[in-house]
PDB file of N, CA and C in Angstrom:
ATOM      1  N   MET A   1     -62.236 -93.561  15.001  1.00  0.00           N
ATOM      2  CA  MET A   1     -63.122 -93.105  16.146  1.00  0.00           C
ATOM      3  C   MET A   1     -64.515 -93.201  15.608  1.00  0.00           C
ATOM      4  N   ASN A   2     -65.292 -93.567  16.566  1.00  0.00           N
ATOM      5  CA  ASN A   2     -66.786 -93.641  16.301  1.00  0.00           C
ATOM      6  C   ASN A   2     -67.445 -92.295  16.184  1.00  0.00           C
ATOM      7  N   PRO A   3     -68.321 -92.066  15.233  1.00  0.00           N
ATOM      8  CA  PRO A   3     -69.190 -90.842  15.089  1.00  0.00           C
ATOM      9  C   PRO A   3     -69.860 -90.530  16.424  1.00  0.00           C
ATOM     10  N   ARG A   4     -70.012 -89.289  16.653  1.00  0.00           N
ATOM     11  CA  ARG A   4     -70.811 -88.821  17.894  1.00  0.00           C
ATOM     12  C   ARG A   4     -72.082 -88.168  17.337  1.00  0.00           C
ATOM     13  N   THR A   5     -73.192 -88.453  17.999  1.00  0.00           N
ATOM     14  CA  THR A   5     -74.410 -87.835  17.855  1.00  0.00           C
ATOM     15  C   THR A   5     -74.724 -86.814  18.727  1.00  0.00           C
ATOM     16  N   LEU A   6     -75.081 -85.482  18.465  1.00  0.00           N
ATOM     17  CA  LEU A   6     -75.249 -84.426  19.431  1.00  0.00           C
ATOM     18  C   LEU A   6     -76.465 -83.697  19.240  1.00  0.00           C
ATOM     19  N   LYS A   7     -77.197 -83.206  20.179  1.00  0.00           N
ATOM     20  CA  LYS A   7     -78.373 -82.532  19.999  1.00  0.00           C
ATOM     21  C   LYS A   7     -78.223 -81.125  19.885  1.00  0.00           C
ATOM     22  N   ILE A   8     -78.903 -80.389  18.673  1.00  0.00           N
ATOM     23  CA  ILE A   8     -78.746 -79.179  18.577  1.00  0.00           C
ATOM     24  C   ILE A   8     -79.706 -78.339  19.764  1.00  0.00           C
ATOM     25  N   GLU A   9     -79.132 -77.619  20.426  1.00  0.00           N
ATOM     26  CA  GLU A   9     -79.838 -76.907  21.628  1.00  0.00           C
ATOM     27  C   GLU A   9     -80.208 -75.576  21.114  1.00  0.00           C
ATOM     28  N   ALA A  10     -81.488 -75.133  21.666  1.00  0.00           N
ATOM     29  CA  ALA A  10     -81.988 -73.834  21.373  1.00  0.00           C
ATOM     30  C   ALA A  10     -81.811 -72.878  22.707  1.00  0.00           C
ATOM     31  N   VAL A  11     -80.943 -71.630  22.253  1.00  0.00           N
ATOM     32  CA  VAL A  11     -80.723 -70.682  23.363  1.00  0.00           C
ATOM     33  C   VAL A  11     -81.100 -69.442  23.018  1.00  0.00           C
ATOM     34  N   GLY A  12     -81.440 -68.604  24.020  1.00  0.00           N
ATOM     35  CA  GLY A  12     -81.742 -67.213  23.654  1.00  0.00           C
ATOM     36  C   GLY A  12     -82.994 -66.846  24.240  1.00  0.00           C
ATOM     37  N   ASP A  13     -83.655 -65.758  23.770  1.00  0.00           N
ATOM     38  CA  ASP A  13     -84.839 -65.279  24.407  1.00  0.00           C
ATOM     39  C   ASP A  13     -86.100 -65.783  23.898  1.00  0.00           C
ATOM     40  N   PHE A  14     -86.570 -66.732  24.510  1.00  0.00           N
ATOM     41  CA  PHE A  14     -88.007 -67.498  23.947  1.00  0.00           C
ATOM     42  C   PHE A  14     -89.165 -66.648  23.869  1.00  0.00           C
ATOM     43  N   ALA A  15     -89.220 -65.597  24.933  1.00  0.00           N
ATOM     44  CA  ALA A  15     -90.525 -64.728  24.794  1.00  0.00           C
ATOM     45  C   ALA A  15     -90.436 -63.877  23.591  1.00  0.00           C
ATOM     46  N   TYR A  16     -89.197 -63.443  23.183  1.00  0.00           N
ATOM     47  CA  TYR A  16     -89.214 -62.535  22.033  1.00  0.00           C
ATOM     48  C   TYR A  16     -88.962 -63.142  20.720  1.00  0.00           C
ATOM     49  N   ARG A  17     -88.893 -64.647  20.760  1.00  0.00           N
ATOM     50  CA  ARG A  17     -88.652 -65.515  19.659  1.00  0.00           C
ATOM     51  C   ARG A  17     -87.248 -65.162  19.081  1.00  0.00           C
ATOM     52  N   LYS A  18     -86.137 -64.909  19.870  1.00  0.00           N
ATOM     53  CA  LYS A  18     -84.912 -64.680  19.391  1.00  0.00           C
ATOM     54  C   LYS A  18     -84.086 -65.834  19.871  1.00  0.00           C
ATOM     55  N   VAL A  19     -84.309 -67.066  19.318  1.00  0.00           N
ATOM     56  CA  VAL A  19     -83.671 -68.136  19.660  1.00  0.00           C
ATOM     57  C   VAL A  19     -82.668 -68.467  18.675  1.00  0.00           C
ATOM     58  N   LYS A  20     -81.544 -69.100  19.047  1.00  0.00           N
ATOM     59  CA  LYS A  20     -80.484 -69.326  18.147  1.00  0.00           C
ATOM     60  C   LYS A  20     -80.186 -70.885  18.266  1.00  0.00           C
ATOM     61  N   PRO A  21     -79.554 -71.719  17.412  1.00  0.00           N
ATOM     62  CA  PRO A  21     -79.088 -73.108  17.680  1.00  0.00           C
ATOM     63  C   PRO A  21     -77.751 -72.915  18.336  1.00  0.00           C
ATOM     64  N   ARG A  22     -77.412 -73.979  18.968  1.00  0.00           N
ATOM     65  CA  ARG A  22     -76.124 -74.032  19.555  1.00  0.00           C
ATOM     66  C   ARG A  22     -75.707 -75.602  19.697  1.00  0.00           C
ATOM     67  N   ILE A  23     -74.385 -75.766  19.359  1.00  0.00           N
ATOM     68  CA  ILE A  23     -73.805 -77.327  19.640  1.00  0.00           C
ATOM     69  C   ILE A  23     -72.708 -77.143  20.767  1.00  0.00           C
ATOM     70  N   ARG A  24     -72.718 -78.077  21.640  1.00  0.00           N
ATOM     71  CA  ARG A  24     -71.832 -78.065  22.783  1.00  0.00           C
ATOM     72  C   ARG A  24     -70.948 -79.256  22.472  1.00  0.00           C
ATOM     73  N   LEU A  25     -69.581 -79.152  22.343  1.00  0.00           N
ATOM     74  CA  LEU A  25     -68.821 -80.197  22.091  1.00  0.00           C
ATOM     75  C   LEU A  25     -67.973 -80.517  23.538  1.00  0.00           C
ATOM     76  N   THR A  26     -68.054 -81.575  24.040  1.00  0.00           N
ATOM     77  CA  THR A  26     -67.271 -81.853  25.355  1.00  0.00           C
ATOM     78  C   THR A  26     -66.933 -83.221  25.218  1.00  0.00           C
ATOM     79  N   GLY A  27     -66.028 -83.667  25.907  1.00  0.00           N
ATOM     80  CA  GLY A  27     -65.667 -85.141  26.077  1.00  0.00           C
ATOM     81  C   GLY A  27     -64.080 -85.283  26.059  1.00  0.00           C
ATOM     82  N   HIS A  28     -63.740 -86.428  26.485  1.00  0.00           N
ATOM     83  CA  HIS A  28     -62.245 -87.004  26.379  1.00  0.00           C
ATOM     84  C   HIS A  28     -62.005 -87.292  24.936  1.00  0.00           C
ATOM     85  N   TRP A  29     -63.059 -87.509  23.936  1.00  0.00           N
ATOM     86  CA  TRP A  29     -62.837 -87.908  22.777  1.00  0.00           C
ATOM     87  C   TRP A  29     -62.187 -86.603  22.048  1.00  0.00           C
ATOM     88  N   LEU A  30     -62.561 -85.379  22.427  1.00  0.00           N
ATOM     89  CA  LEU A  30     -62.061 -84.329  21.781  1.00  0.00           C
ATOM     90  C   LEU A  30     -60.417 -84.179  21.817  1.00  0.00           C
ATOM     91  N   GLU A  31     -59.931 -84.554  23.140  1.00  0.00           N
ATOM     92  CA  GLU A  31     -58.567 -84.489  23.383  1.00  0.00           C
ATOM     93  C   GLU A  31     -57.877 -85.672  22.599  1.00  0.00           C
ATOM     94  N   ARG A  32     -58.535 -86.753  22.529  1.00  0.00           N
ATOM     95  CA  ARG A  32     -57.959 -87.962  21.671  1.00  0.00           C
ATOM     96  C   ARG A  32     -57.921 -87.451  20.173  1.00  0.00           C
ATOM     97  N   ALA A  33     -58.843 -86.437  19.715  1.00  0.00           N
ATOM     98  CA  ALA A  33     -58.778 -86.060  18.350  1.00  0.00           C
ATOM     99  C   ALA A  33     -57.642 -84.965  18.218  1.00  0.00           C
ATOM    100  N   GLY A  34     -57.171 -84.472  19.291  1.00  0.00           N
ATOM    101  CA  GLY A  34     -56.044 -83.378  19.162  1.00  0.00           C
ATOM    102  C   GLY A  34     -56.497 -82.072  19.724  1.00  0.00           C
ATOM    103  N   PHE A  35     -57.655 -81.895  20.166  1.00  0.00           N
ATOM    104  CA  PHE A  35     -58.083 -80.678  20.746  1.00  0.00           C
ATOM    105  C   PHE A  35     -57.949 -80.594  22.264  1.00  0.00           C
ATOM    106  N   LYS A  36     -57.264 -79.694  22.704  1.00  0.00           N
ATOM    107  CA  LYS A  36     -56.788 -79.672  24.181  1.00  0.00           C
ATOM    108  C   LYS A  36     -57.357 -78.301  24.561  1.00  0.00           C
ATOM    109  N   PRO A  37     -57.669 -78.341  25.940  1.00  0.00           N
ATOM    110  CA  PRO A  37     -58.029 -76.983  26.559  1.00  0.00           C
ATOM    111  C   PRO A  37     -56.962 -75.769  26.312  1.00  0.00           C
ATOM    112  N   GLY A  38     -57.655 -74.663  25.836  1.00  0.00           N
ATOM    113  CA  GLY A  38     -56.873 -73.568  25.436  1.00  0.00           C
ATOM    114  C   GLY A  38     -56.334 -73.475  23.875  1.00  0.00           C
ATOM    115  N   ASN A  39     -56.535 -74.393  23.365  1.00  0.00           N
ATOM    116  CA  ASN A  39     -56.370 -74.392  21.761  1.00  0.00           C
ATOM    117  C   ASN A  39     -57.455 -73.564  21.237  1.00  0.00           C
ATOM    118  N   ARG A  40     -57.161 -72.917  20.092  1.00  0.00           N
ATOM    119  CA  ARG A  40     -58.108 -72.449  19.258  1.00  0.00           C
ATOM    120  C   ARG A  40     -58.405 -73.045  17.934  1.00  0.00           C
ATOM    121  N   VAL A  41     -59.615 -72.983  17.543  1.00  0.00           N
ATOM    122  CA  VAL A  41     -60.105 -73.711  16.261  1.00  0.00           C
ATOM    123  C   VAL A  41     -60.749 -72.585  15.483  1.00  0.00           C
ATOM    124  N   SER A  42     -60.560 -72.865  14.109  1.00  0.00           N
ATOM    125  CA  SER A  42     -61.287 -72.429  13.047  1.00  0.00           C
ATOM    126  C   SER A  42     -62.437 -73.110  12.658  1.00  0.00           C
ATOM    127  N   VAL A  43     -63.653 -72.260  12.420  1.00  0.00           N
ATOM    128  CA  VAL A  43     -64.959 -72.996  12.204  1.00  0.00           C
ATOM    129  C   VAL A  43     -65.231 -72.526  10.730  1.00  0.00           C
ATOM    130  N   THR A  44     -65.566 -73.445   9.797  1.00  0.00           N
ATOM    131  CA  THR A  44     -65.808 -73.033   8.373  1.00  0.00           C
ATOM    132  C   THR A  44     -67.099 -73.796   8.006  1.00  0.00           C
ATOM    133  N   HIS A  45     -68.018 -73.095   7.498  1.00  0.00           N
ATOM    134  CA  HIS A  45     -69.174 -73.615   6.803  1.00  0.00           C
ATOM    135  C   HIS A  45     -68.864 -73.982   5.455  1.00  0.00           C
ATOM    136  N   ILE A  46     -68.870 -75.463   5.097  1.00  0.00           N
ATOM    137  CA  ILE A  46     -68.540 -75.950   3.950  1.00  0.00           C
ATOM    138  C   ILE A  46     -69.752 -76.013   2.995  1.00  0.00           C
ATOM    139  N   ALA A  47     -70.836 -76.460   3.417  1.00  0.00           N
ATOM    140  CA  ALA A  47     -72.089 -76.661   2.668  1.00  0.00           C
ATOM    141  C   ALA A  47     -73.205 -76.848   3.643  1.00  0.00           C
ATOM    142  N   GLU A  48     -74.464 -76.775   2.959  1.00  0.00           N
ATOM    143  CA  GLU A  48     -75.514 -77.109   3.856  1.00  0.00           C
ATOM    144  C   GLU A  48     -75.436 -78.371   4.739  1.00  0.00           C
ATOM    145  N   GLY A  49     -75.385 -78.030   6.057  1.00  0.00           N
ATOM    146  CA  GLY A  49     -75.445 -79.184   6.985  1.00  0.00           C
ATOM    147  C   GLY A  49     -73.964 -79.805   7.228  1.00  0.00           C
ATOM    148  N   ILE A  50     -72.853 -79.070   6.604  1.00  0.00           N
ATOM    149  CA  ILE A  50     -71.619 -79.487   6.871  1.00  0.00           C
ATOM    150  C   ILE A  50     -70.699 -78.299   7.431  1.00  0.00           C
ATOM    151  N   ILE A  51     -69.957 -78.470   8.627  1.00  0.00           N
ATOM    152  CA  ILE A  51     -69.133 -77.493   9.155  1.00  0.00           C
ATOM    153  C   ILE A  51     -67.799 -78.306   9.353  1.00  0.00           C
ATOM    154  N   GLU A  52     -66.675 -77.396   9.277  1.00  0.00           N
ATOM    155  CA  GLU A  52     -65.358 -78.103   9.548  1.00  0.00           C
ATOM    156  C   GLU A  52     -64.669 -77.300  10.675  1.00  0.00           C
ATOM    157  N   LEU A  53     -64.114 -78.173  11.659  1.00  0.00           N
ATOM    158  CA  LEU A  53     -63.380 -77.633  12.752  1.00  0.00           C
ATOM    159  C   LEU A  53     -61.834 -77.847  12.539  1.00  0.00           C
ATOM    160  N   ARG A  54     -60.963 -76.929  12.513  1.00  0.00           N
ATOM    161  CA  ARG A  54     -59.599 -77.077  12.270  1.00  0.00           C
ATOM    162  C   ARG A  54     -58.805 -76.391  13.463  1.00  0.00           C
ATOM    163  N   LEU A  55     -57.860 -77.177  13.978  1.00  0.00           N
ATOM    164  CA  LEU A  55     -57.006 -76.755  15.079  1.00  0.00           C
ATOM    165  C   LEU A  55     -55.926 -75.550  14.501  1.00  0.00           C
ATOM    166  N   GLU A  56     -55.961 -74.621  15.228  1.00  0.00           N
ATOM    167  CA  GLU A  56     -54.849 -73.584  14.825  1.00  0.00           C
ATOM    168  C   GLU A  56     -53.759 -73.708  15.807  1.00  0.00           C
ATOM    169  N   ASP A  57     -52.486 -73.372  15.134  1.00  0.00           N
ATOM    170  CA  ASP A  57     -51.270 -73.285  16.087  1.00  0.00           C
ATOM    171  C   ASP A  57     -51.460 -71.874  16.795  1.00  0.00           C
ATOM    172  N   PRO A  58     -50.631 -71.699  17.865  1.00  0.00           N
ATOM    173  CA  PRO A  58     -50.602 -70.428  18.573  1.00  0.00           C
ATOM    174  C   PRO A  58     -50.563 -69.229  17.954  1.00  0.00           C
ATOM    175  N   ASP A  59     -49.809 -69.380  16.577  1.00  0.00           N
ATOM    176  CA  ASP A  59     -49.557 -67.881  15.807  1.00  0.00           C
ATOM    177  C   ASP A  59     -50.825 -67.814  14.929  1.00  0.00           C
ATOM    178  N   GLY A  60     -51.803 -68.521  15.055  1.00  0.00           N
ATOM    179  CA  GLY A  60     -53.106 -68.470  14.260  1.00  0.00           C
ATOM    180  C   GLY A  60     -52.968 -69.080  12.905  1.00  0.00           C
ATOM    181  N   PHE A  61     -52.096 -69.784  12.589  1.00  0.00           N
ATOM    182  CA  PHE A  61     -52.053 -70.606  11.223  1.00  0.00           C
ATOM    183  C   PHE A  61     -52.783 -71.856  11.558  1.00  0.00           C
ATOM    184  N   MET A  62     -53.480 -72.339  10.605  1.00  0.00           N
ATOM    185  CA  MET A  62     -54.206 -73.640  10.579  1.00  0.00           C
ATOM    186  C   MET A  62     -53.127 -74.760  10.513  1.00  0.00           C
ATOM    187  N   LEU A  63     -53.490 -75.802  11.132  1.00  0.00           N
ATOM    188  CA  LEU A  63     -52.628 -77.001  11.191  1.00  0.00           C
ATOM    189  C   LEU A  63     -53.229 -78.000  10.233  1.00  0.00           C
ATOM    190  N   ASN A  64     -52.449 -78.766   9.532  1.00  0.00           N
ATOM    191  CA  ASN A  64     -52.824 -79.760   8.639  1.00  0.00           C
ATOM    192  C   ASN A  64     -52.767 -81.174   9.276  1.00  0.00           C
ATOM    193  N   GLU A  65     -53.127 -82.196   8.745  1.00  0.00           N
ATOM    194  CA  GLU A  65     -53.161 -83.422   9.331  1.00  0.00           C
ATOM    195  C   GLU A  65     -52.041 -83.941  10.261  1.00  0.00           C
ATOM    196  N   THR A  66     -50.965 -83.594   9.779  1.00  0.00           N
ATOM    197  CA  THR A  66     -49.698 -83.918  10.465  1.00  0.00           C
ATOM    198  C   THR A  66     -49.376 -83.011  11.740  1.00  0.00           C
ATOM    199  N   GLY A  67     -50.058 -81.964  11.846  1.00  0.00           N
ATOM    200  CA  GLY A  67     -49.851 -80.953  13.021  1.00  0.00           C
ATOM    201  C   GLY A  67     -49.007 -79.904  12.618  1.00  0.00           C
ATOM    202  N   ASN A  68     -48.442 -79.800  11.304  1.00  0.00           N
ATOM    203  CA  ASN A  68     -47.685 -78.851  10.857  1.00  0.00           C
ATOM    204  C   ASN A  68     -48.529 -77.573  10.145  1.00  0.00           C
ATOM    205  N   PRO A  69     -48.069 -76.311  10.277  1.00  0.00           N
ATOM    206  CA  PRO A  69     -48.808 -75.203   9.602  1.00  0.00           C
ATOM    207  C   PRO A  69     -48.959 -75.474   8.209  1.00  0.00           C
ATOM    208  N   SER A  70     -50.197 -75.136   7.700  1.00  0.00           N
ATOM    209  CA  SER A  70     -50.349 -75.310   6.067  1.00  0.00           C
ATOM    210  C   SER A  70     -50.199 -74.043   5.437  1.00  0.00           C
TER     211      SER A  70
END
């Protein structure tokens, strides 16, 4: 799958300088990657500039690459 380039958006109260970064992920490529509407994901900060998204099963367990609970 080809890498995606996304823009970090600024959201919040610009008048009071309470602005936060936001990344919005949308597109059919998410479904091709195994993420479907209604699924839950775990987001982990790995290191500076690196975050990880992992699909969770309905019971809250994280799924490994084969789709089985780890």
